[in-house]
PDB file of all heavy atoms in Angstrom:
ATOM      1  N   PHE A   1    -132.571  -2.692  24.142  1.00  0.00           N
ATOM      2  CA  PHE A   1    -132.149  -1.411  24.701  1.00  0.00           C
ATOM      3  C   PHE A   1    -130.642  -1.241  24.497  1.00  0.00           C
ATOM      4  O   PHE A   1    -129.873  -2.206  24.539  1.00  0.00           O
ATOM      5  CB  PHE A   1    -132.462  -1.343  26.195  1.00  0.00           C
ATOM      6  CG  PHE A   1    -133.925  -1.213  26.523  1.00  0.00           C
ATOM      7  CD1 PHE A   1    -134.342  -1.190  27.846  1.00  0.00           C
ATOM      8  CD2 PHE A   1    -134.889  -1.107  25.531  1.00  0.00           C
ATOM      9  CE1 PHE A   1    -135.683  -1.065  28.166  1.00  0.00           C
ATOM     10  CE2 PHE A   1    -136.241  -0.979  25.842  1.00  0.00           C
ATOM     11  CZ  PHE A   1    -136.633  -0.955  27.171  1.00  0.00           C
ATOM     12  N   ALA A   2    -130.209   0.007  24.326  1.00  0.00           N
ATOM     13  CA  ALA A   2    -128.807   0.286  24.009  1.00  0.00           C
ATOM     14  C   ALA A   2    -127.847  -0.252  25.062  1.00  0.00           C
ATOM     15  O   ALA A   2    -126.754  -0.732  24.740  1.00  0.00           O
ATOM     16  CB  ALA A   2    -128.609   1.792  23.826  1.00  0.00           C
ATOM     17  N   ASN A   3    -128.242  -0.187  26.313  1.00  0.00           N
ATOM     18  CA  ASN A   3    -127.361  -0.683  27.372  1.00  0.00           C
ATOM     19  C   ASN A   3    -127.111  -2.180  27.235  1.00  0.00           C
ATOM     20  O   ASN A   3    -125.994  -2.668  27.422  1.00  0.00           O
ATOM     21  CB  ASN A   3    -127.972  -0.374  28.741  1.00  0.00           C
ATOM     22  CG  ASN A   3    -126.993  -0.614  29.871  1.00  0.00           C
ATOM     23  OD1 ASN A   3    -125.804  -0.347  29.740  1.00  0.00           O
ATOM     24  ND2 ASN A   3    -127.490  -1.118  30.985  1.00  0.00           N
ATOM     25  N   PHE A   4    -128.172  -2.913  26.867  1.00  0.00           N
ATOM     26  CA  PHE A   4    -128.056  -4.363  26.717  1.00  0.00           C
ATOM     27  C   PHE A   4    -127.449  -4.742  25.362  1.00  0.00           C
ATOM     28  O   PHE A   4    -126.866  -5.819  25.217  1.00  0.00           O
ATOM     29  CB  PHE A   4    -129.428  -5.022  26.852  1.00  0.00           C
ATOM     30  CG  PHE A   4    -130.190  -4.612  28.078  1.00  0.00           C
ATOM     31  CD1 PHE A   4    -131.568  -4.483  28.048  1.00  0.00           C
ATOM     32  CD2 PHE A   4    -129.538  -4.332  29.268  1.00  0.00           C
ATOM     33  CE1 PHE A   4    -132.281  -4.100  29.181  1.00  0.00           C
ATOM     34  CE2 PHE A   4    -130.231  -3.945  30.400  1.00  0.00           C
ATOM     35  CZ  PHE A   4    -131.610  -3.834  30.356  1.00  0.00           C
ATOM     36  N   ALA A   5    -127.598  -3.863  24.370  1.00  0.00           N
ATOM     37  CA  ALA A   5    -127.115  -4.149  23.019  1.00  0.00           C
ATOM     38  C   ALA A   5    -125.614  -3.925  22.870  1.00  0.00           C
ATOM     39  O   ALA A   5    -125.032  -4.280  21.847  1.00  0.00           O
ATOM     40  CB  ALA A   5    -127.851  -3.266  22.009  1.00  0.00           C
ATOM     41  N   THR A   6    -124.997  -3.333  23.888  1.00  0.00           N
ATOM     42  CA  THR A   6    -123.559  -3.022  23.796  1.00  0.00           C
ATOM     43  C   THR A   6    -122.807  -3.539  25.019  1.00  0.00           C
ATOM     44  O   THR A   6    -122.059  -4.495  24.930  1.00  0.00           O
ATOM     45  CB  THR A   6    -123.350  -1.505  23.645  1.00  0.00           C
ATOM     46  OG1 THR A   6    -123.981  -0.807  24.733  1.00  0.00           O
ATOM     47  CG2 THR A   6    -123.915  -1.008  22.332  1.00  0.00           C
ATOM     48  N   GLY A   7    -123.042  -2.906  26.168  1.00  0.00           N
ATOM     49  CA  GLY A   7    -122.290  -3.261  27.363  1.00  0.00           C
ATOM     50  C   GLY A   7    -122.461  -4.702  27.803  1.00  0.00           C
ATOM     51  O   GLY A   7    -121.496  -5.392  28.138  1.00  0.00           O
ATOM     52  N   ARG A   8    -123.691  -5.195  27.775  1.00  0.00           N
ATOM     53  CA  ARG A   8    -123.959  -6.551  28.264  1.00  0.00           C
ATOM     54  C   ARG A   8    -123.369  -7.617  27.347  1.00  0.00           C
ATOM     55  O   ARG A   8    -123.046  -8.713  27.791  1.00  0.00           O
ATOM     56  CB  ARG A   8    -125.480  -6.746  28.405  1.00  0.00           C
ATOM     57  CG  ARG A   8    -125.881  -8.119  28.895  1.00  0.00           C
ATOM     58  CD  ARG A   8    -127.350  -8.210  29.208  1.00  0.00           C
ATOM     59  NE  ARG A   8    -127.692  -7.483  30.424  1.00  0.00           N
ATOM     60  CZ  ARG A   8    -128.924  -7.436  30.955  1.00  0.00           C
ATOM     61  NH1 ARG A   8    -129.920  -8.047  30.338  1.00  0.00           N
ATOM     62  NH2 ARG A   8    -129.156  -6.759  32.049  1.00  0.00           N
ATOM     63  N   VAL A   9    -123.220  -7.308  26.068  1.00  0.00           N
ATOM     64  CA  VAL A   9    -122.856  -8.342  25.086  1.00  0.00           C
ATOM     65  C   VAL A   9    -121.594  -7.966  24.307  1.00  0.00           C
ATOM     66  O   VAL A   9    -121.382  -8.434  23.185  1.00  0.00           O
ATOM     67  CB  VAL A   9    -124.026  -8.578  24.104  1.00  0.00           C
ATOM     68  CG1 VAL A   9    -125.224  -9.144  24.831  1.00  0.00           C
ATOM     69  CG2 VAL A   9    -124.399  -7.295  23.377  1.00  0.00           C
ATOM     70  N   TYR A  10    -120.744  -7.148  24.899  1.00  0.00           N
ATOM     71  CA  TYR A  10    -119.599  -6.625  24.145  1.00  0.00           C
ATOM     72  C   TYR A  10    -118.679  -7.733  23.643  1.00  0.00           C
ATOM     73  O   TYR A  10    -118.179  -7.679  22.519  1.00  0.00           O
ATOM     74  CB  TYR A  10    -118.809  -5.635  25.007  1.00  0.00           C
ATOM     75  CG  TYR A  10    -117.877  -4.759  24.206  1.00  0.00           C
ATOM     76  CD1 TYR A  10    -118.389  -3.798  23.336  1.00  0.00           C
ATOM     77  CD2 TYR A  10    -116.502  -4.883  24.306  1.00  0.00           C
ATOM     78  CE1 TYR A  10    -117.561  -2.975  22.598  1.00  0.00           C
ATOM     79  CE2 TYR A  10    -115.659  -4.066  23.561  1.00  0.00           C
ATOM     80  CZ  TYR A  10    -116.194  -3.112  22.716  1.00  0.00           C
ATOM     81  OH  TYR A  10    -115.363  -2.296  21.982  1.00  0.00           O
ATOM     82  N   ASP A  11    -118.458  -8.737  24.442  1.00  0.00           N
ATOM     83  CA  ASP A  11    -117.573  -9.835  24.024  1.00  0.00           C
ATOM     84  C   ASP A  11    -118.145 -10.560  22.810  1.00  0.00           C
ATOM     85  O   ASP A  11    -117.421 -10.861  21.848  1.00  0.00           O
ATOM     86  CB  ASP A  11    -117.369 -10.823  25.172  1.00  0.00           C
ATOM     87  CG  ASP A  11    -116.427 -11.947  24.797  1.00  0.00           C
ATOM     88  OD1 ASP A  11    -115.282 -11.650  24.398  1.00  0.00           O
ATOM     89  OD2 ASP A  11    -116.839 -13.114  24.877  1.00  0.00           O
ATOM     90  N   GLN A  12    -119.445 -10.828  22.834  1.00  0.00           N
ATOM     91  CA  GLN A  12    -120.070 -11.516  21.708  1.00  0.00           C
ATOM     92  C   GLN A  12    -120.015 -10.667  20.433  1.00  0.00           C
ATOM     93  O   GLN A  12    -119.778 -11.183  19.336  1.00  0.00           O
ATOM     94  CB  GLN A  12    -121.522 -11.872  22.037  1.00  0.00           C
ATOM     95  CG  GLN A  12    -121.683 -13.055  22.969  1.00  0.00           C
ATOM     96  CD  GLN A  12    -121.328 -12.727  24.412  1.00  0.00           C
ATOM     97  OE1 GLN A  12    -121.348 -11.556  24.821  1.00  0.00           O
ATOM     98  NE2 GLN A  12    -121.000 -13.744  25.194  1.00  0.00           N
ATOM     99  N   ILE A  13    -120.238  -9.359  20.579  1.00  0.00           N
ATOM    100  CA  ILE A  13    -120.159  -8.474  19.409  1.00  0.00           C
ATOM    101  C   ILE A  13    -118.727  -8.451  18.873  1.00  0.00           C
ATOM    102  O   ILE A  13    -118.514  -8.554  17.656  1.00  0.00           O
ATOM    103  CB  ILE A  13    -120.624  -7.050  19.772  1.00  0.00           C
ATOM    104  CG1 ILE A  13    -122.117  -7.046  20.097  1.00  0.00           C
ATOM    105  CG2 ILE A  13    -120.330  -6.085  18.619  1.00  0.00           C
ATOM    106  CD1 ILE A  13    -122.620  -5.723  20.632  1.00  0.00           C
ATOM    107  N   ARG A  14    -117.775  -8.335  19.764  1.00  0.00           N
ATOM    108  CA  ARG A  14    -116.377  -8.254  19.319  1.00  0.00           C
ATOM    109  C   ARG A  14    -115.949  -9.519  18.580  1.00  0.00           C
ATOM    110  O   ARG A  14    -115.365  -9.457  17.497  1.00  0.00           O
ATOM    111  CB  ARG A  14    -115.455  -8.017  20.522  1.00  0.00           C
ATOM    112  CG  ARG A  14    -113.994  -7.835  20.128  1.00  0.00           C
ATOM    113  CD  ARG A  14    -113.104  -7.634  21.353  1.00  0.00           C
ATOM    114  NE  ARG A  14    -111.755  -7.300  20.958  1.00  0.00           N
ATOM    115  CZ  ARG A  14    -110.795  -8.189  20.660  1.00  0.00           C
ATOM    116  NH1 ARG A  14    -111.072  -9.492  20.707  1.00  0.00           N
ATOM    117  NH2 ARG A  14    -109.588  -7.796  20.302  1.00  0.00           N
ATOM    118  N   GLN A  15    -116.231 -10.661  19.169  1.00  0.00           N
ATOM    119  CA  GLN A  15    -115.709 -11.914  18.616  1.00  0.00           C
ATOM    120  C   GLN A  15    -116.555 -12.437  17.450  1.00  0.00           C
ATOM    121  O   GLN A  15    -116.033 -12.772  16.389  1.00  0.00           O
ATOM    122  CB  GLN A  15    -115.651 -13.000  19.708  1.00  0.00           C
ATOM    123  CG  GLN A  15    -114.992 -12.579  21.007  1.00  0.00           C
ATOM    124  CD  GLN A  15    -113.518 -12.224  20.866  1.00  0.00           C
ATOM    125  OE1 GLN A  15    -112.945 -12.245  19.785  1.00  0.00           O
ATOM    126  NE2 GLN A  15    -112.885 -11.876  21.976  1.00  0.00           N
ATOM    127  N   SER A  16    -117.875 -12.511  17.664  1.00  0.00           N
ATOM    128  CA  SER A  16    -118.734 -13.191  16.695  1.00  0.00           C
ATOM    129  C   SER A  16    -119.183 -12.293  15.547  1.00  0.00           C
ATOM    130  O   SER A  16    -119.534 -12.787  14.475  1.00  0.00           O
ATOM    131  CB  SER A  16    -119.971 -13.766  17.397  1.00  0.00           C
ATOM    132  OG  SER A  16    -119.593 -14.718  18.363  1.00  0.00           O
ATOM    133  N   ILE A  17    -119.195 -10.964  15.774  1.00  0.00           N
ATOM    134  CA  ILE A  17    -119.709 -10.058  14.751  1.00  0.00           C
ATOM    135  C   ILE A  17    -118.604  -9.199  14.147  1.00  0.00           C
ATOM    136  O   ILE A  17    -118.363  -9.244  12.941  1.00  0.00           O
ATOM    137  CB  ILE A  17    -120.840  -9.184  15.330  1.00  0.00           C
ATOM    138  CG1 ILE A  17    -122.034 -10.069  15.740  1.00  0.00           C
ATOM    139  CG2 ILE A  17    -121.278  -8.129  14.318  1.00  0.00           C
ATOM    140  CD1 ILE A  17    -123.141  -9.337  16.464  1.00  0.00           C
ATOM    141  N   ALA A  18    -117.903  -8.418  14.964  1.00  0.00           N
ATOM    142  CA  ALA A  18    -116.909  -7.493  14.417  1.00  0.00           C
ATOM    143  C   ALA A  18    -115.678  -8.226  13.882  1.00  0.00           C
ATOM    144  O   ALA A  18    -115.295  -8.057  12.714  1.00  0.00           O
ATOM    145  CB  ALA A  18    -116.502  -6.477  15.477  1.00  0.00           C
ATOM    146  N   TYR A  19    -115.066  -9.053  14.709  1.00  0.00           N
ATOM    147  CA  TYR A  19    -113.863  -9.782  14.287  1.00  0.00           C
ATOM    148  C   TYR A  19    -114.161 -10.706  13.109  1.00  0.00           C
ATOM    149  O   TYR A  19    -113.350 -10.860  12.192  1.00  0.00           O
ATOM    150  CB  TYR A  19    -113.308 -10.590  15.464  1.00  0.00           C
ATOM    151  CG  TYR A  19    -112.129 -11.472  15.115  1.00  0.00           C
ATOM    152  CD1 TYR A  19    -110.917 -10.909  14.739  1.00  0.00           C
ATOM    153  CD2 TYR A  19    -112.229 -12.847  15.152  1.00  0.00           C
ATOM    154  CE1 TYR A  19    -109.825 -11.708  14.402  1.00  0.00           C
ATOM    155  CE2 TYR A  19    -111.153 -13.666  14.823  1.00  0.00           C
ATOM    156  CZ  TYR A  19    -109.954 -13.081  14.456  1.00  0.00           C
ATOM    157  OH  TYR A  19    -108.878 -13.880  14.117  1.00  0.00           O
ATOM    158  N   SER A  20    -115.363 -11.262  13.111  1.00  0.00           N
ATOM    159  CA  SER A  20    -115.759 -12.186  12.053  1.00  0.00           C
ATOM    160  C   SER A  20    -116.383 -11.472  10.851  1.00  0.00           C
ATOM    161  O   SER A  20    -116.746 -12.126   9.874  1.00  0.00           O
ATOM    162  CB  SER A  20    -116.765 -13.211  12.607  1.00  0.00           C
ATOM    163  OG  SER A  20    -116.210 -13.902  13.708  1.00  0.00           O
ATOM    164  N   ASP A  21    -116.500 -10.145  10.929  1.00  0.00           N
ATOM    165  CA  ASP A  21    -117.057  -9.319   9.850  1.00  0.00           C
ATOM    166  C   ASP A  21    -118.407  -9.859   9.381  1.00  0.00           C
ATOM    167  O   ASP A  21    -118.636 -10.084   8.193  1.00  0.00           O
ATOM    168  CB  ASP A  21    -116.083  -9.232   8.671  1.00  0.00           C
ATOM    169  CG  ASP A  21    -116.504  -8.184   7.644  1.00  0.00           C
ATOM    170  OD1 ASP A  21    -117.133  -7.185   8.043  1.00  0.00           O
ATOM    171  OD2 ASP A  21    -116.221  -8.377   6.443  1.00  0.00           O
ATOM    172  N   LYS A  22    -119.302 -10.061  10.327  1.00  0.00           N
ATOM    173  CA  LYS A  22    -120.629 -10.568  10.009  1.00  0.00           C
ATOM    174  C   LYS A  22    -121.593  -9.411   9.730  1.00  0.00           C
ATOM    175  O   LYS A  22    -121.533  -8.363  10.372  1.00  0.00           O
ATOM    176  CB  LYS A  22    -121.158 -11.439  11.160  1.00  0.00           C
ATOM    177  CG  LYS A  22    -120.379 -12.750  11.328  1.00  0.00           C
ATOM    178  CD  LYS A  22    -120.577 -13.665  10.124  1.00  0.00           C
ATOM    179  CE  LYS A  22    -119.972 -15.033  10.326  1.00  0.00           C
ATOM    180  NZ  LYS A  22    -118.501 -15.034  10.215  1.00  0.00           N
ATOM    181  N   ASN A  23    -122.501  -9.642   8.816  1.00  0.00           N
ATOM    182  CA  ASN A  23    -123.419  -8.608   8.345  1.00  0.00           C
ATOM    183  C   ASN A  23    -124.621  -8.454   9.288  1.00  0.00           C
ATOM    184  O   ASN A  23    -125.778  -8.618   8.896  1.00  0.00           O
ATOM    185  CB  ASN A  23    -123.892  -8.960   6.928  1.00  0.00           C
ATOM    186  CG  ASN A  23    -124.620  -7.818   6.251  1.00  0.00           C
ATOM    187  OD1 ASN A  23    -124.343  -6.652   6.509  1.00  0.00           O
ATOM    188  ND2 ASN A  23    -125.563  -8.160   5.382  1.00  0.00           N
ATOM    189  N   VAL A  24    -124.326  -8.103  10.545  1.00  0.00           N
ATOM    190  CA  VAL A  24    -125.352  -7.968  11.580  1.00  0.00           C
ATOM    191  C   VAL A  24    -125.626  -6.488  11.831  1.00  0.00           C
ATOM    192  O   VAL A  24    -124.700  -5.678  11.925  1.00  0.00           O
ATOM    193  CB  VAL A  24    -124.903  -8.641  12.893  1.00  0.00           C
ATOM    194  CG1 VAL A  24    -125.916  -8.378  14.010  1.00  0.00           C
ATOM    195  CG2 VAL A  24    -124.716 -10.134  12.684  1.00  0.00           C
ATOM    196  N   LYS A  25    -126.899  -6.143  11.968  1.00  0.00           N
ATOM    197  CA  LYS A  25    -127.307  -4.787  12.290  1.00  0.00           C
ATOM    198  C   LYS A  25    -127.764  -4.762  13.749  1.00  0.00           C
ATOM    199  O   LYS A  25    -128.796  -5.352  14.096  1.00  0.00           O
ATOM    200  CB  LYS A  25    -128.432  -4.311  11.375  1.00  0.00           C
ATOM    201  CG  LYS A  25    -128.231  -4.666   9.886  1.00  0.00           C
ATOM    202  CD  LYS A  25    -126.899  -4.217   9.308  1.00  0.00           C
ATOM    203  CE  LYS A  25    -126.693  -4.762   7.897  1.00  0.00           C
ATOM    204  NZ  LYS A  25    -125.347  -4.472   7.362  1.00  0.00           N
ATOM    205  N   ILE A  26    -126.985  -4.125  14.592  1.00  0.00           N
ATOM    206  CA  ILE A  26    -127.291  -4.023  16.022  1.00  0.00           C
ATOM    207  C   ILE A  26    -128.081  -2.732  16.213  1.00  0.00           C
ATOM    208  O   ILE A  26    -127.556  -1.634  16.007  1.00  0.00           O
ATOM    209  CB  ILE A  26    -126.005  -4.014  16.858  1.00  0.00           C
ATOM    210  CG1 ILE A  26    -125.202  -5.288  16.595  1.00  0.00           C
ATOM    211  CG2 ILE A  26    -126.329  -3.859  18.339  1.00  0.00           C
ATOM    212  CD1 ILE A  26    -123.757  -5.208  17.063  1.00  0.00           C
ATOM    213  N   CYS A  27    -129.351  -2.858  16.573  1.00  0.00           N
ATOM    214  CA  CYS A  27    -130.266  -1.720  16.603  1.00  0.00           C
ATOM    215  C   CYS A  27    -130.679  -1.453  18.041  1.00  0.00           C
ATOM    216  O   CYS A  27    -131.348  -2.280  18.664  1.00  0.00           O
ATOM    217  CB  CYS A  27    -131.462  -2.002  15.711  1.00  0.00           C
ATOM    218  SG  CYS A  27    -130.967  -2.343  13.996  1.00  0.00           S
ATOM    219  N   ALA A  28    -130.269  -0.288  18.546  1.00  0.00           N
ATOM    220  CA  ALA A  28    -130.323  -0.027  19.977  1.00  0.00           C
ATOM    221  C   ALA A  28    -131.215   1.154  20.316  1.00  0.00           C
ATOM    222  O   ALA A  28    -130.949   2.292  19.928  1.00  0.00           O
ATOM    223  CB  ALA A  28    -128.905   0.225  20.488  1.00  0.00           C
ATOM    224  N   SER A  29    -132.250   0.878  21.066  1.00  0.00           N
ATOM    225  CA  SER A  29    -133.178   1.919  21.502  1.00  0.00           C
ATOM    226  C   SER A  29    -132.879   2.342  22.947  1.00  0.00           C
ATOM    227  O   SER A  29    -132.044   1.753  23.621  1.00  0.00           O
ATOM    228  CB  SER A  29    -134.616   1.399  21.407  1.00  0.00           C
ATOM    229  OG  SER A  29    -135.545   2.398  21.779  1.00  0.00           O
ATOM    230  N   HIS A  30    -133.573   3.395  23.385  1.00  0.00           N
ATOM    231  CA  HIS A  30    -133.492   3.851  24.773  1.00  0.00           C
ATOM    232  C   HIS A  30    -132.054   4.224  25.164  1.00  0.00           C
ATOM    233  O   HIS A  30    -131.576   3.894  26.258  1.00  0.00           O
ATOM    234  CB  HIS A  30    -134.046   2.789  25.724  1.00  0.00           C
ATOM    235  CG  HIS A  30    -135.516   2.563  25.593  1.00  0.00           C
ATOM    236  ND1 HIS A  30    -136.104   2.226  24.388  1.00  0.00           N
ATOM    237  CD2 HIS A  30    -136.517   2.597  26.506  1.00  0.00           C
ATOM    238  CE1 HIS A  30    -137.415   2.069  24.563  1.00  0.00           C
ATOM    239  NE2 HIS A  30    -137.695   2.302  25.830  1.00  0.00           N
ATOM    240  N   ALA A  31    -131.338   4.893  24.255  1.00  0.00           N
ATOM    241  CA  ALA A  31    -129.961   5.319  24.542  1.00  0.00           C
ATOM    242  C   ALA A  31    -129.958   6.676  25.242  1.00  0.00           C
ATOM    243  O   ALA A  31    -130.878   7.473  25.077  1.00  0.00           O
ATOM    244  CB  ALA A  31    -129.162   5.399  23.244  1.00  0.00           C
ATOM    245  N   GLY A  32    -128.920   6.929  26.020  1.00  0.00           N
ATOM    246  CA  GLY A  32    -128.689   8.250  26.580  1.00  0.00           C
ATOM    247  C   GLY A  32    -129.578   8.643  27.737  1.00  0.00           C
ATOM    248  O   GLY A  32    -130.388   7.864  28.239  1.00  0.00           O
ATOM    249  N   LEU A  33    -129.420   9.905  28.159  1.00  0.00           N
ATOM    250  CA  LEU A  33    -130.165  10.429  29.296  1.00  0.00           C
ATOM    251  C   LEU A  33    -131.659  10.524  29.026  1.00  0.00           C
ATOM    252  O   LEU A  33    -132.467  10.464  29.954  1.00  0.00           O
ATOM    253  CB  LEU A  33    -129.653  11.833  29.656  1.00  0.00           C
ATOM    254  CG  LEU A  33    -128.300  11.941  30.350  1.00  0.00           C
ATOM    255  CD1 LEU A  33    -127.922  13.405  30.497  1.00  0.00           C
ATOM    256  CD2 LEU A  33    -128.320  11.260  31.707  1.00  0.00           C
ATOM    257  N   THR A  34    -132.034  10.686  27.757  1.00  0.00           N
ATOM    258  CA  THR A  34    -133.461  10.864  27.446  1.00  0.00           C
ATOM    259  C   THR A  34    -134.287   9.604  27.672  1.00  0.00           C
ATOM    260  O   THR A  34    -135.500   9.641  27.518  1.00  0.00           O
ATOM    261  CB  THR A  34    -133.651  11.352  25.999  1.00  0.00           C
ATOM    262  OG1 THR A  34    -132.911  10.509  25.106  1.00  0.00           O
ATOM    263  CG2 THR A  34    -133.197  12.796  25.840  1.00  0.00           C
ATOM    264  N   LEU A  35    -133.644   8.504  28.044  1.00  0.00           N
ATOM    265  CA  LEU A  35    -134.406   7.352  28.527  1.00  0.00           C
ATOM    266  C   LEU A  35    -135.226   7.769  29.733  1.00  0.00           C
ATOM    267  O   LEU A  35    -136.324   7.263  29.977  1.00  0.00           O
ATOM    268  CB  LEU A  35    -133.447   6.216  28.881  1.00  0.00           C
ATOM    269  CG  LEU A  35    -134.034   4.978  29.547  1.00  0.00           C
ATOM    270  CD1 LEU A  35    -135.209   4.424  28.777  1.00  0.00           C
ATOM    271  CD2 LEU A  35    -132.972   3.915  29.712  1.00  0.00           C
TER     272      LEU A  35
END
């Protein structure tokens, strides 16, 4: 879910994926009010 794919794991995404330029596809469902 989008909430868990971003807010819950932001530190891991920042350090292990973005800063390290890793080829990871973060795919987030159930985003927004339409959940």
